[in-house]
Amino acid sequence: MKFVDKIKKIKRLRPANISDNISAFNRARKFTYFLETIKPKPTDSILDVGFADIEYSDVDNYLEKNYPHQSQITALGVSGSEHFSKRYPDVNIVLYDGKIFPFEDKSFDIGWSNAVIEHVGNQDAQLLFLQELHRTCKQVFFTTPNRYFPVEFHTRIPLLHWLPKSVFDSVLKKTKKKWAAGDYMNLLSIRQIQSLLKKASVTHYAIKKNRLCGFVMDYCIIIQ
């Protein structure tokens, strides 16, 4: 093997690619679970809460990329839709202020939200987000990372996120990854998820643990 070819092979195996591959595998796993458990029909209306206008990864906007009935999807977000609307012209787009969803009760057959609740703010904001998902959708499928997985996948830093939030933020602010501090991310444990569900008066739900190397990587929560 030529030296140049060896370098190219090493670049293909660099940690960023490994992380992207894990993310792609995990999102495919979650989407398969969604299809198997929710069993959406072609006529079902779906609310996708938390779309990305600019896609930084091939797995962004996973629902829109893979669900065959795009015209049945309404994408709800807080800002930006120019790029998203060009990629997915059949998807209805609604922007809001990040608080009360602008829809009537049970407006949608299915609510989908992939790894968004950890980004909406503190636990009061997370509770409101969950209440609104439950209020506007007949069934809900949402996911969120496990706070106690050894590696934090947004920053790709191990163990730091196990420390108190104030310490986590203080350290990040001294690095190039200060963008991940503050309200950008509030990770949840399974107990915190269960507490939010209880406070939101959700009684019928199931939580699936997705594992990687024996550790719980993230959770899929189904509300029916």
N, C-alpha and C. Protein backbone atom coordinates (compact mmCIF):
# COMPACT_ATOMS: atom_id res chain seq x y z
N MET A 1 0.85 -1.20 0.00
CA MET A 1 0.00 0.00 0.00
C MET A 1 0.88 1.25 0.00
N LYS A 2 0.59 2.17 -0.88
CA LYS A 2 1.35 3.41 -0.95
C LYS A 2 1.12 4.25 0.30
N PHE A 3 2.10 5.12 0.63
CA PHE A 3 2.00 5.97 1.80
C PHE A 3 0.76 6.85 1.76
N VAL A 4 0.46 7.42 0.58
CA VAL A 4 -0.70 8.30 0.44
C VAL A 4 -1.98 7.53 0.73
N ASP A 5 -2.05 6.29 0.26
CA ASP A 5 -3.23 5.47 0.50
C ASP A 5 -3.39 5.16 1.99
N LYS A 6 -2.24 4.94 2.68
CA LYS A 6 -2.30 4.69 4.12
C LYS A 6 -2.86 5.90 4.87
N ILE A 7 -2.42 7.08 4.46
CA ILE A 7 -2.92 8.31 5.09
C ILE A 7 -4.42 8.46 4.87
N LYS A 8 -4.87 8.18 3.65
CA LYS A 8 -6.29 8.28 3.36
C LYS A 8 -7.10 7.31 4.22
N LYS A 9 -6.55 6.10 4.42
CA LYS A 9 -7.24 5.11 5.24
C LYS A 9 -7.33 5.58 6.68
N ILE A 10 -6.23 6.14 7.19
CA ILE A 10 -6.24 6.65 8.57
C ILE A 10 -7.27 7.77 8.71
N LYS A 11 -7.36 8.65 7.73
CA LYS A 11 -8.33 9.75 7.78
C LYS A 11 -9.76 9.21 7.81
N ARG A 12 -9.99 8.13 7.08
CA ARG A 12 -11.34 7.56 7.06
C ARG A 12 -11.70 6.99 8.43
N LEU A 13 -10.68 6.62 9.20
CA LEU A 13 -10.91 6.00 10.51
C LEU A 13 -10.74 6.98 11.66
N ARG A 14 -10.59 8.25 11.36
CA ARG A 14 -10.39 9.24 12.42
C ARG A 14 -11.62 9.26 13.33
N PRO A 15 -11.45 9.66 14.62
CA PRO A 15 -12.55 9.60 15.59
C PRO A 15 -13.83 10.27 15.12
N ALA A 16 -13.73 11.39 14.38
CA ALA A 16 -14.94 12.07 13.92
C ALA A 16 -15.79 11.15 13.06
N ASN A 17 -15.14 10.37 12.21
CA ASN A 17 -15.89 9.44 11.38
C ASN A 17 -16.50 8.31 12.19
N ILE A 18 -15.76 7.85 13.20
CA ILE A 18 -16.30 6.81 14.06
C ILE A 18 -17.54 7.31 14.77
N SER A 19 -17.48 8.53 15.28
CA SER A 19 -18.62 9.12 15.95
C SER A 19 -19.81 9.27 15.00
N ASP A 20 -19.54 9.72 13.78
CA ASP A 20 -20.61 9.87 12.79
C ASP A 20 -21.24 8.52 12.46
N ASN A 21 -20.40 7.48 12.37
CA ASN A 21 -20.91 6.15 12.06
C ASN A 21 -21.78 5.61 13.19
N ILE A 22 -21.37 5.87 14.43
CA ILE A 22 -22.18 5.46 15.58
C ILE A 22 -23.51 6.18 15.56
N SER A 23 -23.47 7.48 15.28
CA SER A 23 -24.70 8.27 15.22
C SER A 23 -25.63 7.76 14.14
N ALA A 24 -25.08 7.43 12.97
CA ALA A 24 -25.90 6.92 11.87
C ALA A 24 -26.53 5.59 12.25
N PHE A 25 -25.74 4.71 12.86
CA PHE A 25 -26.27 3.42 13.31
C PHE A 25 -27.38 3.60 14.32
N ASN A 26 -27.16 4.50 15.29
CA ASN A 26 -28.14 4.67 16.35
C ASN A 26 -29.43 5.31 15.85
N ARG A 27 -29.32 6.27 14.94
CA ARG A 27 -30.54 6.90 14.42
C ARG A 27 -31.34 5.92 13.57
N ALA A 28 -30.64 5.07 12.83
CA ALA A 28 -31.34 4.04 12.05
C ALA A 28 -32.05 3.07 13.00
N ARG A 29 -31.39 2.72 14.09
CA ARG A 29 -31.98 1.83 15.08
C ARG A 29 -33.23 2.45 15.70
N LYS A 30 -33.16 3.73 16.03
CA LYS A 30 -34.32 4.40 16.62
C LYS A 30 -35.46 4.54 15.62
N PHE A 31 -35.13 4.85 14.38
CA PHE A 31 -36.17 5.00 13.36
C PHE A 31 -36.87 3.66 13.11
N THR A 32 -36.11 2.58 13.09
CA THR A 32 -36.70 1.25 12.93
C THR A 32 -37.64 0.94 14.08
N TYR A 33 -37.21 1.28 15.28
CA TYR A 33 -38.06 1.06 16.46
C TYR A 33 -39.34 1.89 16.37
N PHE A 34 -39.21 3.11 15.90
CA PHE A 34 -40.38 3.97 15.69
C PHE A 34 -41.37 3.32 14.73
N LEU A 35 -40.90 2.82 13.61
CA LEU A 35 -41.77 2.19 12.62
C LEU A 35 -42.42 0.93 13.18
N GLU A 36 -41.67 0.17 13.96
CA GLU A 36 -42.18 -1.11 14.47
C GLU A 36 -43.19 -0.93 15.60
N THR A 37 -43.02 0.12 16.39
CA THR A 37 -43.90 0.30 17.56
C THR A 37 -45.07 1.24 17.29
N ILE A 38 -44.81 2.35 16.64
CA ILE A 38 -45.88 3.31 16.34
C ILE A 38 -46.71 2.85 15.15
N LYS A 39 -46.05 2.18 14.20
CA LYS A 39 -46.72 1.68 12.99
C LYS A 39 -47.51 2.80 12.27
N PRO A 40 -46.84 3.86 11.86
CA PRO A 40 -47.56 4.96 11.20
C PRO A 40 -48.19 4.53 9.88
N LYS A 41 -49.40 5.00 9.67
CA LYS A 41 -50.10 4.73 8.41
C LYS A 41 -49.83 5.89 7.45
N PRO A 42 -49.96 5.64 6.15
CA PRO A 42 -49.70 6.71 5.16
C PRO A 42 -50.55 7.96 5.38
N THR A 43 -51.70 7.79 6.00
CA THR A 43 -52.61 8.93 6.21
C THR A 43 -52.39 9.63 7.55
N ASP A 44 -51.52 9.09 8.38
CA ASP A 44 -51.28 9.70 9.70
C ASP A 44 -50.53 11.02 9.57
N SER A 45 -50.99 12.00 10.32
CA SER A 45 -50.27 13.29 10.37
C SER A 45 -49.19 13.21 11.44
N ILE A 46 -48.01 13.73 11.12
CA ILE A 46 -46.86 13.65 12.03
C ILE A 46 -46.33 15.05 12.31
N LEU A 47 -46.14 15.35 13.59
CA LEU A 47 -45.50 16.61 14.00
C LEU A 47 -44.06 16.30 14.36
N ASP A 48 -43.13 16.90 13.61
CA ASP A 48 -41.70 16.75 13.89
C ASP A 48 -41.25 18.02 14.61
N VAL A 49 -40.94 17.88 15.90
CA VAL A 49 -40.57 19.04 16.71
C VAL A 49 -39.05 19.13 16.80
N GLY A 50 -38.50 20.21 16.22
CA GLY A 50 -37.07 20.46 16.30
C GLY A 50 -36.31 20.11 15.04
N PHE A 51 -36.74 20.63 13.89
CA PHE A 51 -36.00 20.37 12.65
C PHE A 51 -34.77 21.26 12.57
N ALA A 52 -33.81 20.84 11.71
CA ALA A 52 -32.58 21.61 11.50
C ALA A 52 -32.62 22.27 10.14
N ASP A 53 -32.52 23.59 10.11
CA ASP A 53 -32.54 24.28 8.82
C ASP A 53 -31.26 23.99 8.04
N ILE A 54 -30.12 24.09 8.70
CA ILE A 54 -28.83 23.77 8.07
C ILE A 54 -28.39 22.41 8.58
N GLU A 55 -28.12 21.50 7.68
CA GLU A 55 -27.73 20.15 8.05
C GLU A 55 -26.21 20.04 8.12
N TYR A 56 -25.72 19.76 9.32
CA TYR A 56 -24.28 19.59 9.53
C TYR A 56 -23.86 18.13 9.44
N SER A 57 -24.83 17.24 9.34
CA SER A 57 -24.55 15.81 9.31
C SER A 57 -25.56 15.13 8.40
N ASP A 58 -25.17 13.98 7.88
CA ASP A 58 -26.07 13.20 7.03
C ASP A 58 -27.27 12.66 7.79
N VAL A 59 -27.20 12.65 9.13
CA VAL A 59 -28.31 12.10 9.90
C VAL A 59 -29.24 13.19 10.42
N ASP A 60 -28.95 14.46 10.13
CA ASP A 60 -29.89 15.53 10.51
C ASP A 60 -31.19 15.37 9.73
N ASN A 61 -32.30 15.79 10.38
CA ASN A 61 -33.63 15.67 9.76
C ASN A 61 -33.88 14.25 9.27
N TYR A 62 -33.62 13.31 10.15
CA TYR A 62 -33.67 11.89 9.79
C TYR A 62 -35.06 11.47 9.35
N LEU A 63 -36.08 12.00 10.00
CA LEU A 63 -37.46 11.64 9.64
C LEU A 63 -37.77 12.06 8.21
N GLU A 64 -37.46 13.29 7.87
CA GLU A 64 -37.74 13.80 6.52
C GLU A 64 -36.95 13.03 5.46
N LYS A 65 -35.75 12.63 5.79
CA LYS A 65 -34.92 11.90 4.83
C LYS A 65 -35.44 10.50 4.55
N ASN A 66 -36.11 9.90 5.53
CA ASN A 66 -36.42 8.48 5.42
C ASN A 66 -37.91 8.12 5.42
N TYR A 67 -38.76 9.03 5.86
CA TYR A 67 -40.19 8.71 5.88
C TYR A 67 -40.77 8.96 4.49
N PRO A 68 -41.50 7.98 3.93
CA PRO A 68 -41.93 8.08 2.52
C PRO A 68 -43.09 9.04 2.26
N HIS A 69 -43.74 9.53 3.31
CA HIS A 69 -44.94 10.38 3.11
C HIS A 69 -44.67 11.77 3.68
N GLN A 70 -43.82 12.51 3.00
CA GLN A 70 -43.40 13.82 3.51
C GLN A 70 -44.54 14.82 3.65
N SER A 71 -45.53 14.70 2.79
CA SER A 71 -46.64 15.66 2.84
C SER A 71 -47.46 15.52 4.13
N GLN A 72 -47.26 14.44 4.85
CA GLN A 72 -47.98 14.23 6.11
C GLN A 72 -47.22 14.79 7.31
N ILE A 73 -46.04 15.36 7.05
CA ILE A 73 -45.20 15.88 8.14
C ILE A 73 -45.35 17.39 8.27
N THR A 74 -45.50 17.85 9.51
CA THR A 74 -45.38 19.26 9.84
C THR A 74 -44.15 19.42 10.71
N ALA A 75 -43.21 20.24 10.26
CA ALA A 75 -41.97 20.47 11.00
C ALA A 75 -42.08 21.75 11.81
N LEU A 76 -41.88 21.64 13.12
CA LEU A 76 -42.00 22.77 14.03
C LEU A 76 -40.61 23.17 14.54
N GLY A 77 -40.29 24.46 14.43
CA GLY A 77 -38.98 24.93 14.90
C GLY A 77 -39.04 26.36 15.37
N VAL A 78 -37.94 26.83 15.93
CA VAL A 78 -37.92 28.18 16.51
C VAL A 78 -37.30 29.21 15.57
N SER A 79 -36.56 28.77 14.57
CA SER A 79 -35.95 29.74 13.65
C SER A 79 -35.45 29.05 12.40
N GLY A 80 -35.41 29.81 11.30
CA GLY A 80 -34.78 29.33 10.08
C GLY A 80 -35.54 28.23 9.37
N SER A 81 -35.84 28.45 8.09
CA SER A 81 -36.51 27.40 7.31
C SER A 81 -36.13 27.45 5.84
N GLU A 82 -35.30 28.41 5.45
CA GLU A 82 -34.99 28.61 4.04
C GLU A 82 -34.36 27.38 3.39
N HIS A 83 -33.33 26.82 4.03
CA HIS A 83 -32.64 25.67 3.46
C HIS A 83 -33.50 24.41 3.58
N PHE A 84 -34.16 24.27 4.71
CA PHE A 84 -35.01 23.10 4.96
C PHE A 84 -36.13 23.02 3.93
N SER A 85 -36.77 24.14 3.64
CA SER A 85 -37.90 24.15 2.71
C SER A 85 -37.48 23.77 1.29
N LYS A 86 -36.25 24.09 0.94
CA LYS A 86 -35.76 23.72 -0.40
C LYS A 86 -35.50 22.22 -0.49
N ARG A 87 -34.99 21.64 0.60
CA ARG A 87 -34.70 20.21 0.60
C ARG A 87 -35.98 19.37 0.69
N TYR A 88 -36.94 19.87 1.45
CA TYR A 88 -38.15 19.08 1.71
C TYR A 88 -39.38 19.93 1.39
N PRO A 89 -39.63 20.18 0.12
CA PRO A 89 -40.71 21.09 -0.28
C PRO A 89 -42.11 20.60 0.08
N ASP A 90 -42.27 19.31 0.31
CA ASP A 90 -43.59 18.78 0.62
C ASP A 90 -43.93 18.84 2.10
N VAL A 91 -42.95 19.18 2.91
CA VAL A 91 -43.16 19.25 4.36
C VAL A 91 -43.70 20.62 4.75
N ASN A 92 -44.74 20.64 5.56
CA ASN A 92 -45.28 21.89 6.08
C ASN A 92 -44.39 22.39 7.20
N ILE A 93 -44.05 23.68 7.20
CA ILE A 93 -43.14 24.26 8.19
C ILE A 93 -43.88 25.29 9.03
N VAL A 94 -43.70 25.21 10.34
CA VAL A 94 -44.29 26.17 11.27
C VAL A 94 -43.20 26.63 12.23
N LEU A 95 -43.05 27.95 12.38
CA LEU A 95 -42.11 28.52 13.34
C LEU A 95 -42.88 29.07 14.55
N TYR A 96 -42.27 28.97 15.73
CA TYR A 96 -42.95 29.45 16.94
C TYR A 96 -41.92 30.00 17.91
N ASP A 97 -42.36 30.44 19.07
CA ASP A 97 -41.47 31.13 20.01
C ASP A 97 -40.77 30.20 20.99
N GLY A 98 -40.92 28.88 20.81
CA GLY A 98 -40.26 27.93 21.70
C GLY A 98 -41.03 27.64 22.97
N LYS A 99 -42.26 28.11 23.05
CA LYS A 99 -43.06 27.88 24.28
C LYS A 99 -44.30 27.04 23.94
N ILE A 100 -45.45 27.68 23.83
CA ILE A 100 -46.69 26.95 23.54
C ILE A 100 -46.75 26.59 22.06
N PHE A 101 -46.99 25.32 21.75
CA PHE A 101 -47.12 24.91 20.36
C PHE A 101 -48.37 25.56 19.75
N PRO A 102 -48.30 26.09 18.54
CA PRO A 102 -49.43 26.80 17.93
C PRO A 102 -50.44 25.86 17.26
N PHE A 103 -50.90 24.85 18.02
CA PHE A 103 -51.84 23.87 17.48
C PHE A 103 -52.89 23.54 18.54
N GLU A 104 -54.05 23.10 18.06
CA GLU A 104 -55.12 22.67 18.97
C GLU A 104 -54.76 21.31 19.58
N ASP A 105 -55.49 20.95 20.64
CA ASP A 105 -55.27 19.65 21.28
C ASP A 105 -55.45 18.52 20.28
N LYS A 106 -54.55 17.53 20.35
CA LYS A 106 -54.61 16.32 19.53
C LYS A 106 -54.76 16.64 18.04
N SER A 107 -54.02 17.62 17.58
CA SER A 107 -54.06 18.00 16.17
C SER A 107 -53.36 16.97 15.28
N PHE A 108 -52.43 16.19 15.87
CA PHE A 108 -51.62 15.28 15.08
C PHE A 108 -51.78 13.85 15.59
N ASP A 109 -51.69 12.91 14.66
CA ASP A 109 -51.75 11.50 15.05
C ASP A 109 -50.50 11.09 15.80
N ILE A 110 -49.36 11.62 15.36
CA ILE A 110 -48.07 11.20 15.91
C ILE A 110 -47.17 12.42 16.14
N GLY A 111 -46.50 12.43 17.27
CA GLY A 111 -45.48 13.42 17.53
C GLY A 111 -44.11 12.76 17.52
N TRP A 112 -43.16 13.35 16.83
CA TRP A 112 -41.79 12.83 16.73
C TRP A 112 -40.83 13.93 17.16
N SER A 113 -39.87 13.59 18.00
CA SER A 113 -38.85 14.57 18.39
C SER A 113 -37.58 13.81 18.75
N ASN A 114 -36.56 13.96 17.93
CA ASN A 114 -35.32 13.21 18.12
C ASN A 114 -34.23 14.08 18.72
N ALA A 115 -33.88 13.77 19.97
CA ALA A 115 -32.77 14.46 20.65
C ALA A 115 -32.93 15.98 20.65
N VAL A 116 -34.09 16.42 21.12
CA VAL A 116 -34.39 17.86 21.17
C VAL A 116 -34.63 18.34 22.60
N ILE A 117 -35.29 17.54 23.41
CA ILE A 117 -35.72 17.99 24.73
C ILE A 117 -34.54 18.45 25.59
N GLU A 118 -33.34 17.88 25.36
CA GLU A 118 -32.17 18.29 26.14
C GLU A 118 -31.65 19.66 25.74
N HIS A 119 -32.22 20.24 24.67
CA HIS A 119 -31.74 21.53 24.17
C HIS A 119 -32.71 22.69 24.42
N VAL A 120 -33.85 22.42 25.04
CA VAL A 120 -34.87 23.47 25.13
C VAL A 120 -34.70 24.39 26.34
N GLY A 121 -33.80 24.03 27.26
CA GLY A 121 -33.60 24.88 28.43
C GLY A 121 -33.60 24.07 29.72
N ASN A 122 -33.95 24.73 30.83
CA ASN A 122 -33.94 24.06 32.13
C ASN A 122 -35.12 23.10 32.26
N GLN A 123 -35.29 22.51 33.44
CA GLN A 123 -36.33 21.48 33.59
C GLN A 123 -37.74 22.05 33.48
N ASP A 124 -37.93 23.31 33.80
CA ASP A 124 -39.25 23.92 33.59
C ASP A 124 -39.57 23.99 32.09
N ALA A 125 -38.58 24.37 31.30
CA ALA A 125 -38.76 24.43 29.85
C ALA A 125 -38.95 23.03 29.27
N GLN A 126 -38.23 22.07 29.81
CA GLN A 126 -38.37 20.68 29.35
C GLN A 126 -39.76 20.14 29.68
N LEU A 127 -40.27 20.50 30.84
CA LEU A 127 -41.61 20.06 31.22
C LEU A 127 -42.66 20.65 30.28
N LEU A 128 -42.55 21.92 29.98
CA LEU A 128 -43.49 22.56 29.06
C LEU A 128 -43.42 21.90 27.68
N PHE A 129 -42.22 21.65 27.22
CA PHE A 129 -42.01 20.98 25.93
C PHE A 129 -42.72 19.63 25.90
N LEU A 130 -42.55 18.85 26.95
CA LEU A 130 -43.18 17.53 27.03
C LEU A 130 -44.69 17.64 27.12
N GLN A 131 -45.18 18.58 27.91
CA GLN A 131 -46.62 18.79 28.03
C GLN A 131 -47.25 19.15 26.68
N GLU A 132 -46.56 19.99 25.92
CA GLU A 132 -47.08 20.41 24.63
C GLU A 132 -47.06 19.27 23.61
N LEU A 133 -46.03 18.45 23.64
CA LEU A 133 -46.01 17.26 22.78
C LEU A 133 -47.20 16.37 23.10
N HIS A 134 -47.41 16.15 24.38
CA HIS A 134 -48.50 15.28 24.83
C HIS A 134 -49.86 15.88 24.50
N ARG A 135 -49.98 17.19 24.62
CA ARG A 135 -51.26 17.86 24.38
C ARG A 135 -51.65 17.82 22.90
N THR A 136 -50.70 18.03 22.03
CA THR A 136 -51.02 18.22 20.61
C THR A 136 -50.99 16.93 19.78
N CYS A 137 -50.45 15.85 20.36
CA CYS A 137 -50.29 14.61 19.58
C CYS A 137 -50.96 13.43 20.28
N LYS A 138 -51.60 12.58 19.49
CA LYS A 138 -52.28 11.41 20.06
C LYS A 138 -51.29 10.36 20.54
N GLN A 139 -50.19 10.21 19.82
CA GLN A 139 -49.08 9.36 20.23
C GLN A 139 -47.80 10.17 20.13
N VAL A 140 -46.84 9.88 20.99
CA VAL A 140 -45.58 10.63 20.97
C VAL A 140 -44.40 9.66 20.98
N PHE A 141 -43.42 9.96 20.14
CA PHE A 141 -42.16 9.22 20.13
C PHE A 141 -41.04 10.26 20.23
N PHE A 142 -40.32 10.26 21.36
CA PHE A 142 -39.20 11.19 21.46
C PHE A 142 -37.98 10.48 22.05
N THR A 143 -36.82 11.01 21.77
CA THR A 143 -35.57 10.41 22.24
C THR A 143 -34.72 11.46 22.92
N THR A 144 -33.82 10.99 23.77
CA THR A 144 -32.88 11.90 24.41
C THR A 144 -31.68 11.10 24.90
N PRO A 145 -30.47 11.69 24.88
CA PRO A 145 -29.29 10.97 25.35
C PRO A 145 -29.35 10.64 26.84
N ASN A 146 -28.64 9.60 27.22
CA ASN A 146 -28.51 9.26 28.63
C ASN A 146 -27.42 10.11 29.27
N ARG A 147 -27.79 10.82 30.30
CA ARG A 147 -26.83 11.69 30.99
C ARG A 147 -25.62 10.92 31.50
N TYR A 148 -25.78 9.61 31.75
CA TYR A 148 -24.70 8.84 32.35
C TYR A 148 -23.98 7.93 31.35
N PHE A 149 -24.14 8.18 30.07
CA PHE A 149 -23.27 7.51 29.11
C PHE A 149 -21.88 8.12 29.25
N PRO A 150 -20.81 7.32 29.17
CA PRO A 150 -19.47 7.85 29.48
C PRO A 150 -18.99 9.00 28.60
N VAL A 151 -19.44 9.06 27.35
CA VAL A 151 -19.00 10.11 26.43
C VAL A 151 -20.18 11.01 26.09
N GLU A 152 -19.97 12.32 26.20
CA GLU A 152 -21.02 13.26 25.81
C GLU A 152 -20.87 13.50 24.30
N PHE A 153 -21.91 13.12 23.53
CA PHE A 153 -21.74 13.06 22.08
C PHE A 153 -21.78 14.42 21.38
N HIS A 154 -22.28 15.46 22.01
CA HIS A 154 -22.24 16.77 21.38
C HIS A 154 -20.82 17.33 21.37
N THR A 155 -20.15 17.23 22.52
CA THR A 155 -18.79 17.74 22.64
C THR A 155 -17.73 16.66 22.40
N ARG A 156 -18.16 15.40 22.51
CA ARG A 156 -17.26 14.23 22.38
C ARG A 156 -16.20 14.23 23.48
N ILE A 157 -16.57 14.76 24.63
CA ILE A 157 -15.69 14.76 25.79
C ILE A 157 -16.18 13.70 26.78
N PRO A 158 -15.30 12.83 27.26
CA PRO A 158 -15.73 11.81 28.22
C PRO A 158 -15.84 12.35 29.64
N LEU A 159 -16.86 11.87 30.35
CA LEU A 159 -17.02 12.01 31.81
C LEU A 159 -17.29 13.42 32.33
N LEU A 160 -16.87 14.47 31.64
CA LEU A 160 -17.05 15.83 32.14
C LEU A 160 -18.51 16.13 32.45
N HIS A 161 -19.42 15.61 31.66
CA HIS A 161 -20.86 15.89 31.84
C HIS A 161 -21.44 15.19 33.07
N TRP A 162 -20.67 14.32 33.71
CA TRP A 162 -21.13 13.69 34.95
C TRP A 162 -21.02 14.65 36.14
N LEU A 163 -20.21 15.68 35.97
CA LEU A 163 -20.05 16.66 37.03
C LEU A 163 -21.28 17.56 37.09
N PRO A 164 -21.46 18.32 38.17
CA PRO A 164 -22.59 19.26 38.23
C PRO A 164 -22.61 20.18 37.01
N LYS A 165 -23.79 20.58 36.59
CA LYS A 165 -23.96 21.41 35.41
C LYS A 165 -23.10 22.68 35.47
N SER A 166 -23.02 23.29 36.65
CA SER A 166 -22.24 24.53 36.79
C SER A 166 -20.76 24.29 36.52
N VAL A 167 -20.25 23.14 36.96
CA VAL A 167 -18.85 22.81 36.73
C VAL A 167 -18.63 22.48 35.26
N PHE A 168 -19.54 21.71 34.69
CA PHE A 168 -19.48 21.35 33.27
C PHE A 168 -19.41 22.61 32.41
N ASP A 169 -20.31 23.56 32.67
CA ASP A 169 -20.35 24.81 31.91
C ASP A 169 -19.08 25.62 32.11
N SER A 170 -18.60 25.69 33.36
CA SER A 170 -17.41 26.48 33.68
C SER A 170 -16.19 25.98 32.91
N VAL A 171 -16.04 24.66 32.82
CA VAL A 171 -14.91 24.08 32.10
C VAL A 171 -15.06 24.32 30.60
N LEU A 172 -16.26 24.10 30.08
CA LEU A 172 -16.48 24.28 28.64
C LEU A 172 -16.21 25.71 28.19
N LYS A 173 -16.56 26.67 29.03
CA LYS A 173 -16.38 28.07 28.67
C LYS A 173 -14.91 28.46 28.51
N LYS A 174 -14.04 27.61 28.99
CA LYS A 174 -12.60 27.86 28.85
C LYS A 174 -12.02 27.13 27.65
N THR A 175 -12.87 26.48 26.87
CA THR A 175 -12.42 25.72 25.71
C THR A 175 -13.09 26.25 24.44
N LYS A 176 -12.74 25.64 23.31
CA LYS A 176 -13.37 25.99 22.04
C LYS A 176 -14.80 25.45 21.94
N LYS A 177 -15.21 24.67 22.93
CA LYS A 177 -16.54 24.09 22.90
C LYS A 177 -17.49 24.82 23.86
N LYS A 178 -17.23 26.09 24.09
CA LYS A 178 -18.08 26.87 24.98
C LYS A 178 -19.49 27.02 24.44
N TRP A 179 -19.68 26.77 23.14
CA TRP A 179 -21.03 26.83 22.55
C TRP A 179 -21.98 25.81 23.18
N ALA A 180 -21.43 24.77 23.83
CA ALA A 180 -22.27 23.73 24.42
C ALA A 180 -22.68 24.02 25.86
N ALA A 181 -22.24 25.16 26.39
CA ALA A 181 -22.56 25.52 27.78
C ALA A 181 -23.93 26.21 27.85
N GLY A 182 -24.39 26.40 29.08
CA GLY A 182 -25.65 27.12 29.29
C GLY A 182 -26.87 26.32 28.88
N ASP A 183 -27.87 27.01 28.36
CA ASP A 183 -29.14 26.36 28.00
C ASP A 183 -29.05 25.50 26.76
N TYR A 184 -27.90 25.51 26.08
CA TYR A 184 -27.77 24.67 24.89
C TYR A 184 -28.04 23.20 25.21
N MET A 185 -27.66 22.78 26.42
CA MET A 185 -27.78 21.36 26.72
C MET A 185 -28.01 21.10 28.20
N ASN A 186 -29.09 20.39 28.49
CA ASN A 186 -29.39 19.93 29.84
C ASN A 186 -29.74 18.46 29.74
N LEU A 187 -28.75 17.61 29.95
CA LEU A 187 -28.92 16.17 29.78
C LEU A 187 -29.78 15.59 30.90
N LEU A 188 -30.46 14.49 30.58
CA LEU A 188 -31.40 13.87 31.51
C LEU A 188 -31.01 12.44 31.84
N SER A 189 -31.23 12.06 33.08
CA SER A 189 -31.13 10.66 33.50
C SER A 189 -32.50 10.02 33.35
N ILE A 190 -32.57 8.71 33.49
CA ILE A 190 -33.87 8.05 33.36
C ILE A 190 -34.80 8.48 34.50
N ARG A 191 -34.27 8.73 35.67
CA ARG A 191 -35.11 9.19 36.78
C ARG A 191 -35.68 10.58 36.49
N GLN A 192 -34.88 11.44 35.90
CA GLN A 192 -35.37 12.78 35.55
C GLN A 192 -36.44 12.70 34.45
N ILE A 193 -36.25 11.81 33.50
CA ILE A 193 -37.26 11.60 32.46
C ILE A 193 -38.57 11.14 33.09
N GLN A 194 -38.49 10.17 33.97
CA GLN A 194 -39.68 9.65 34.63
C GLN A 194 -40.36 10.72 35.47
N SER A 195 -39.56 11.57 36.11
CA SER A 195 -40.12 12.66 36.90
C SER A 195 -40.86 13.67 36.02
N LEU A 196 -40.28 14.00 34.86
CA LEU A 196 -40.93 14.91 33.93
C LEU A 196 -42.23 14.32 33.40
N LEU A 197 -42.22 13.04 33.09
CA LEU A 197 -43.44 12.38 32.61
C LEU A 197 -44.54 12.43 33.66
N LYS A 198 -44.17 12.21 34.91
CA LYS A 198 -45.15 12.26 36.00
C LYS A 198 -45.72 13.66 36.16
N LYS A 199 -44.84 14.66 36.12
CA LYS A 199 -45.29 16.05 36.27
C LYS A 199 -46.17 16.48 35.09
N ALA A 200 -45.93 15.88 33.92
CA ALA A 200 -46.73 16.19 32.73
C ALA A 200 -48.02 15.38 32.68
N SER A 201 -48.29 14.62 33.75
CA SER A 201 -49.51 13.79 33.85
C SER A 201 -49.56 12.72 32.78
N VAL A 202 -48.39 12.23 32.39
CA VAL A 202 -48.32 11.12 31.43
C VAL A 202 -48.29 9.82 32.22
N THR A 203 -49.26 8.96 32.00
CA THR A 203 -49.35 7.72 32.76
C THR A 203 -49.06 6.48 31.92
N HIS A 204 -49.34 6.54 30.62
CA HIS A 204 -49.12 5.38 29.75
C HIS A 204 -47.92 5.65 28.84
N TYR A 205 -46.81 5.06 29.20
CA TYR A 205 -45.60 5.27 28.40
C TYR A 205 -44.68 4.06 28.52
N ALA A 206 -43.73 3.99 27.60
CA ALA A 206 -42.69 2.96 27.64
C ALA A 206 -41.36 3.62 27.33
N ILE A 207 -40.31 3.13 27.98
CA ILE A 207 -38.96 3.66 27.75
C ILE A 207 -38.06 2.53 27.28
N LYS A 208 -37.45 2.72 26.13
CA LYS A 208 -36.50 1.73 25.60
C LYS A 208 -35.08 2.25 25.77
N LYS A 209 -34.21 1.40 26.27
CA LYS A 209 -32.81 1.75 26.46
C LYS A 209 -31.99 1.27 25.26
N ASN A 210 -31.33 2.19 24.58
CA ASN A 210 -30.45 1.83 23.47
C ASN A 210 -29.02 1.78 23.98
N ARG A 211 -28.38 0.64 23.80
CA ARG A 211 -27.06 0.43 24.38
C ARG A 211 -25.95 0.47 23.34
N LEU A 212 -24.78 0.85 23.81
CA LEU A 212 -23.56 0.80 23.01
C LEU A 212 -22.44 0.32 23.92
N CYS A 213 -21.83 -0.81 23.55
CA CYS A 213 -20.76 -1.41 24.36
C CYS A 213 -21.22 -1.67 25.80
N GLY A 214 -22.48 -2.03 25.96
CA GLY A 214 -23.02 -2.35 27.27
C GLY A 214 -23.58 -1.18 28.04
N PHE A 215 -23.25 0.03 27.65
CA PHE A 215 -23.75 1.23 28.32
C PHE A 215 -25.04 1.73 27.64
N VAL A 216 -25.95 2.29 28.42
CA VAL A 216 -27.15 2.90 27.84
C VAL A 216 -26.75 4.22 27.20
N MET A 217 -26.90 4.28 25.88
CA MET A 217 -26.47 5.45 25.12
C MET A 217 -27.56 6.53 25.12
N ASP A 218 -28.78 6.12 24.87
CA ASP A 218 -29.90 7.06 24.89
C ASP A 218 -31.20 6.30 25.10
N TYR A 219 -32.29 7.07 25.17
CA TYR A 219 -33.61 6.50 25.45
C TYR A 219 -34.60 6.85 24.35
N CYS A 220 -35.47 5.90 24.03
CA CYS A 220 -36.66 6.17 23.21
C CYS A 220 -37.86 6.11 24.15
N ILE A 221 -38.66 7.15 24.15
CA ILE A 221 -39.84 7.20 25.01
C ILE A 221 -41.09 7.26 24.13
N ILE A 222 -42.00 6.34 24.38
CA ILE A 222 -43.26 6.30 23.64
C ILE A 222 -44.40 6.62 24.59
N ILE A 223 -45.21 7.59 24.22
CA ILE A 223 -46.40 7.98 24.99
C ILE A 223 -47.63 7.63 24.17
N GLN A 224 -48.54 6.89 24.77
CA GLN A 224 -49.76 6.50 24.05
C GLN A 224 -50.99 6.79 24.90
